[in-house]
């Protein structure tokens, strides 16, 4: 995966076991604890979180750097805090 090559990730959060809206709640808590410009990698599963987490992050002023899903259905979303 391309996102595995992004070595400058400052923090990771795994929300694969969570369902919406908790997927973004936990993502937002992680982003709120970070400084602007820092990078967060979020691991998630499912179509709804894959769509909602990047959309909501972008709507709140963060930059979505990458969204990739592997063969096992695991999605990595990489977000730069705005």
N, C-alpha and C. Protein backbone atom coordinates (compact mmCIF):
# COMPACT_ATOMS: atom_id res chain seq x y z
N UNK A 1 0.83 -1.20 0.00
CA UNK A 1 0.00 0.00 0.00
C UNK A 1 0.87 1.25 0.00
N UNK A 2 0.43 2.25 -0.70
CA UNK A 2 1.15 3.52 -0.73
C UNK A 2 1.21 4.13 0.66
N UNK A 3 0.12 4.06 1.42
CA UNK A 3 0.09 4.70 2.73
C UNK A 3 1.10 4.09 3.69
N UNK A 4 1.51 2.84 3.47
CA UNK A 4 2.55 2.23 4.31
C UNK A 4 3.89 2.91 4.08
N UNK A 5 4.06 3.53 2.93
CA UNK A 5 5.32 4.19 2.60
C UNK A 5 5.41 5.59 3.21
N UNK A 6 4.31 6.10 3.73
CA UNK A 6 4.32 7.42 4.37
C UNK A 6 4.91 7.28 5.77
N UNK A 7 6.19 7.51 5.89
CA UNK A 7 6.88 7.31 7.17
C UNK A 7 6.67 8.47 8.12
N UNK A 8 6.21 9.60 7.62
CA UNK A 8 6.07 10.78 8.46
C UNK A 8 4.70 10.86 9.13
N UNK A 9 4.17 9.71 9.53
CA UNK A 9 2.89 9.69 10.25
C UNK A 9 3.19 9.92 11.73
N UNK A 10 2.51 10.91 12.32
CA UNK A 10 2.75 11.26 13.72
C UNK A 10 1.95 10.41 14.70
N UNK A 11 0.82 9.91 14.24
CA UNK A 11 -0.05 9.15 15.14
C UNK A 11 -0.93 8.22 14.31
N UNK A 12 -1.34 7.11 14.92
CA UNK A 12 -2.26 6.17 14.27
C UNK A 12 -3.41 5.87 15.21
N UNK A 13 -4.57 5.61 14.62
CA UNK A 13 -5.73 5.19 15.40
C UNK A 13 -6.41 4.06 14.62
N UNK A 14 -6.79 3.01 15.34
CA UNK A 14 -7.45 1.86 14.74
C UNK A 14 -8.92 1.86 15.16
N UNK A 15 -9.79 2.11 14.19
CA UNK A 15 -11.23 2.12 14.46
C UNK A 15 -11.94 1.00 13.70
N UNK A 16 -11.19 -0.04 13.35
CA UNK A 16 -11.77 -1.13 12.55
C UNK A 16 -12.90 -1.86 13.28
N UNK A 17 -12.87 -1.88 14.59
CA UNK A 17 -13.92 -2.58 15.35
C UNK A 17 -15.11 -1.68 15.67
N UNK A 18 -15.00 -0.39 15.33
CA UNK A 18 -16.06 0.57 15.65
C UNK A 18 -17.04 0.72 14.49
N UNK A 19 -18.22 1.26 14.80
CA UNK A 19 -19.21 1.58 13.78
C UNK A 19 -19.49 3.08 13.82
N UNK A 20 -20.01 3.60 12.71
CA UNK A 20 -20.36 5.02 12.66
C UNK A 20 -21.44 5.31 13.70
N UNK A 21 -21.39 6.43 14.36
CA UNK A 21 -20.48 7.55 14.17
C UNK A 21 -19.19 7.47 14.98
N UNK A 22 -18.98 6.39 15.73
CA UNK A 22 -17.78 6.30 16.58
C UNK A 22 -16.49 6.31 15.77
N UNK A 23 -16.55 5.86 14.51
CA UNK A 23 -15.33 5.89 13.70
C UNK A 23 -14.80 7.31 13.58
N UNK A 24 -15.70 8.26 13.31
CA UNK A 24 -15.21 9.64 13.21
C UNK A 24 -15.02 10.29 14.58
N UNK A 25 -15.80 9.93 15.56
CA UNK A 25 -15.61 10.49 16.90
C UNK A 25 -14.19 10.18 17.38
N UNK A 26 -13.75 8.94 17.24
CA UNK A 26 -12.39 8.58 17.67
C UNK A 26 -11.33 9.23 16.79
N UNK A 27 -11.63 9.38 15.49
CA UNK A 27 -10.71 10.07 14.59
C UNK A 27 -10.58 11.53 15.00
N UNK A 28 -11.69 12.17 15.29
CA UNK A 28 -11.67 13.58 15.69
C UNK A 28 -10.93 13.78 17.01
N UNK A 29 -11.14 12.90 17.97
CA UNK A 29 -10.41 13.01 19.24
C UNK A 29 -8.91 12.93 19.01
N UNK A 30 -8.49 12.05 18.12
CA UNK A 30 -7.07 11.94 17.80
C UNK A 30 -6.57 13.21 17.12
N UNK A 31 -7.33 13.73 16.16
CA UNK A 31 -6.93 14.97 15.48
C UNK A 31 -6.89 16.15 16.45
N UNK A 32 -7.85 16.23 17.35
CA UNK A 32 -7.89 17.34 18.31
C UNK A 32 -6.67 17.34 19.23
N UNK A 33 -6.09 16.18 19.46
CA UNK A 33 -4.92 16.07 20.34
C UNK A 33 -3.62 16.36 19.60
N UNK A 34 -3.70 16.61 18.30
CA UNK A 34 -2.50 16.83 17.48
C UNK A 34 -2.33 18.32 17.16
N UNK A 35 -1.13 18.66 16.73
CA UNK A 35 -0.82 20.02 16.30
C UNK A 35 -1.12 20.17 14.81
N UNK A 36 -1.47 21.39 14.36
CA UNK A 36 -1.67 21.61 12.92
C UNK A 36 -0.43 21.16 12.13
N UNK A 37 -0.68 20.49 11.03
CA UNK A 37 0.40 20.00 10.18
C UNK A 37 0.82 18.57 10.47
N UNK A 38 0.46 18.07 11.65
CA UNK A 38 0.80 16.68 11.96
C UNK A 38 -0.10 15.74 11.16
N UNK A 39 0.38 14.50 10.98
CA UNK A 39 -0.31 13.54 10.12
C UNK A 39 -0.82 12.35 10.93
N UNK A 40 -2.08 12.00 10.69
CA UNK A 40 -2.76 10.89 11.36
C UNK A 40 -3.10 9.82 10.33
N UNK A 41 -2.81 8.56 10.68
CA UNK A 41 -3.26 7.44 9.85
C UNK A 41 -4.38 6.73 10.62
N UNK A 42 -5.53 6.57 9.97
CA UNK A 42 -6.70 5.92 10.57
C UNK A 42 -6.93 4.60 9.84
N UNK A 43 -7.01 3.51 10.61
CA UNK A 43 -7.34 2.20 10.05
C UNK A 43 -8.81 1.93 10.30
N UNK A 44 -9.55 1.57 9.24
CA UNK A 44 -10.98 1.32 9.38
C UNK A 44 -11.43 0.23 8.42
N UNK A 45 -12.66 -0.23 8.62
CA UNK A 45 -13.29 -1.24 7.75
C UNK A 45 -14.70 -0.79 7.41
N UNK A 46 -15.14 -1.14 6.21
CA UNK A 46 -16.52 -0.89 5.81
C UNK A 46 -16.66 0.31 4.90
N UNK A 47 -17.68 0.24 4.06
CA UNK A 47 -17.92 1.30 3.07
C UNK A 47 -18.34 2.61 3.72
N UNK A 48 -19.21 2.55 4.71
CA UNK A 48 -19.69 3.78 5.34
C UNK A 48 -18.56 4.57 6.00
N UNK A 49 -17.73 3.97 6.85
CA UNK A 49 -16.61 4.74 7.42
C UNK A 49 -15.61 5.18 6.35
N UNK A 50 -15.40 4.33 5.32
CA UNK A 50 -14.46 4.69 4.25
C UNK A 50 -14.91 5.97 3.54
N UNK A 51 -16.20 6.15 3.44
CA UNK A 51 -16.75 7.35 2.81
C UNK A 51 -16.82 8.52 3.80
N UNK A 52 -17.33 8.25 5.00
CA UNK A 52 -17.63 9.33 5.95
C UNK A 52 -16.41 9.94 6.63
N UNK A 53 -15.43 9.13 7.01
CA UNK A 53 -14.28 9.67 7.74
C UNK A 53 -13.52 10.70 6.89
N UNK A 54 -13.14 10.40 5.64
CA UNK A 54 -12.45 11.42 4.84
C UNK A 54 -13.31 12.65 4.55
N UNK A 55 -14.60 12.43 4.24
CA UNK A 55 -15.49 13.56 3.94
C UNK A 55 -15.61 14.50 5.13
N UNK A 56 -15.82 13.94 6.31
CA UNK A 56 -16.00 14.76 7.50
C UNK A 56 -14.70 15.46 7.88
N UNK A 57 -13.59 14.77 7.76
CA UNK A 57 -12.29 15.39 8.07
C UNK A 57 -12.04 16.58 7.14
N UNK A 58 -12.30 16.41 5.86
CA UNK A 58 -12.10 17.51 4.90
C UNK A 58 -13.06 18.66 5.19
N UNK A 59 -14.30 18.35 5.53
CA UNK A 59 -15.28 19.40 5.83
C UNK A 59 -14.89 20.20 7.07
N UNK A 60 -14.11 19.60 7.95
CA UNK A 60 -13.67 20.30 9.17
C UNK A 60 -12.31 20.97 9.00
N UNK A 61 -11.82 21.04 7.76
CA UNK A 61 -10.61 21.81 7.48
C UNK A 61 -9.32 21.03 7.48
N UNK A 62 -9.39 19.71 7.53
CA UNK A 62 -8.19 18.88 7.48
C UNK A 62 -7.95 18.45 6.03
N UNK A 63 -6.73 18.02 5.72
CA UNK A 63 -6.38 17.59 4.38
C UNK A 63 -6.26 16.07 4.34
N UNK A 64 -7.03 15.45 3.47
CA UNK A 64 -6.95 14.00 3.29
C UNK A 64 -5.85 13.73 2.27
N UNK A 65 -4.79 13.06 2.72
CA UNK A 65 -3.63 12.80 1.87
C UNK A 65 -3.77 11.52 1.07
N UNK A 66 -4.44 10.52 1.63
CA UNK A 66 -4.57 9.23 0.94
C UNK A 66 -5.71 8.43 1.56
N UNK A 67 -6.33 7.63 0.71
CA UNK A 67 -7.33 6.64 1.16
C UNK A 67 -7.07 5.39 0.33
N UNK A 68 -6.72 4.29 0.98
CA UNK A 68 -6.44 3.05 0.27
C UNK A 68 -7.04 1.87 1.01
N UNK A 69 -7.57 0.93 0.25
CA UNK A 69 -8.13 -0.30 0.81
C UNK A 69 -7.35 -1.48 0.27
N UNK A 70 -6.94 -2.38 1.18
CA UNK A 70 -6.19 -3.56 0.75
C UNK A 70 -7.13 -4.72 0.42
N UNK A 71 -6.56 -5.85 0.01
CA UNK A 71 -7.35 -7.01 -0.40
C UNK A 71 -8.17 -7.59 0.75
N UNK A 72 -7.78 -7.34 1.99
CA UNK A 72 -8.51 -7.84 3.16
C UNK A 72 -9.64 -6.92 3.59
N UNK A 73 -9.84 -5.80 2.88
CA UNK A 73 -10.90 -4.86 3.22
C UNK A 73 -10.52 -3.85 4.27
N UNK A 74 -9.25 -3.81 4.64
CA UNK A 74 -8.75 -2.85 5.62
C UNK A 74 -8.41 -1.55 4.88
N UNK A 75 -8.94 -0.44 5.35
CA UNK A 75 -8.70 0.85 4.71
C UNK A 75 -7.83 1.72 5.60
N UNK A 76 -6.86 2.39 4.98
CA UNK A 76 -6.04 3.37 5.67
C UNK A 76 -6.39 4.74 5.11
N UNK A 77 -6.71 5.66 6.00
CA UNK A 77 -6.98 7.05 5.63
C UNK A 77 -5.89 7.88 6.29
N UNK A 78 -5.18 8.66 5.49
CA UNK A 78 -4.11 9.50 6.02
C UNK A 78 -4.57 10.95 5.94
N UNK A 79 -4.53 11.62 7.10
CA UNK A 79 -5.09 12.97 7.23
C UNK A 79 -4.04 13.90 7.84
N UNK A 80 -3.86 15.08 7.22
CA UNK A 80 -3.01 16.12 7.83
C UNK A 80 -3.93 17.07 8.58
N UNK A 81 -3.62 17.29 9.85
CA UNK A 81 -4.46 18.17 10.67
C UNK A 81 -4.36 19.60 10.17
N UNK A 82 -5.52 20.23 10.02
CA UNK A 82 -5.58 21.61 9.55
C UNK A 82 -5.47 22.59 10.68
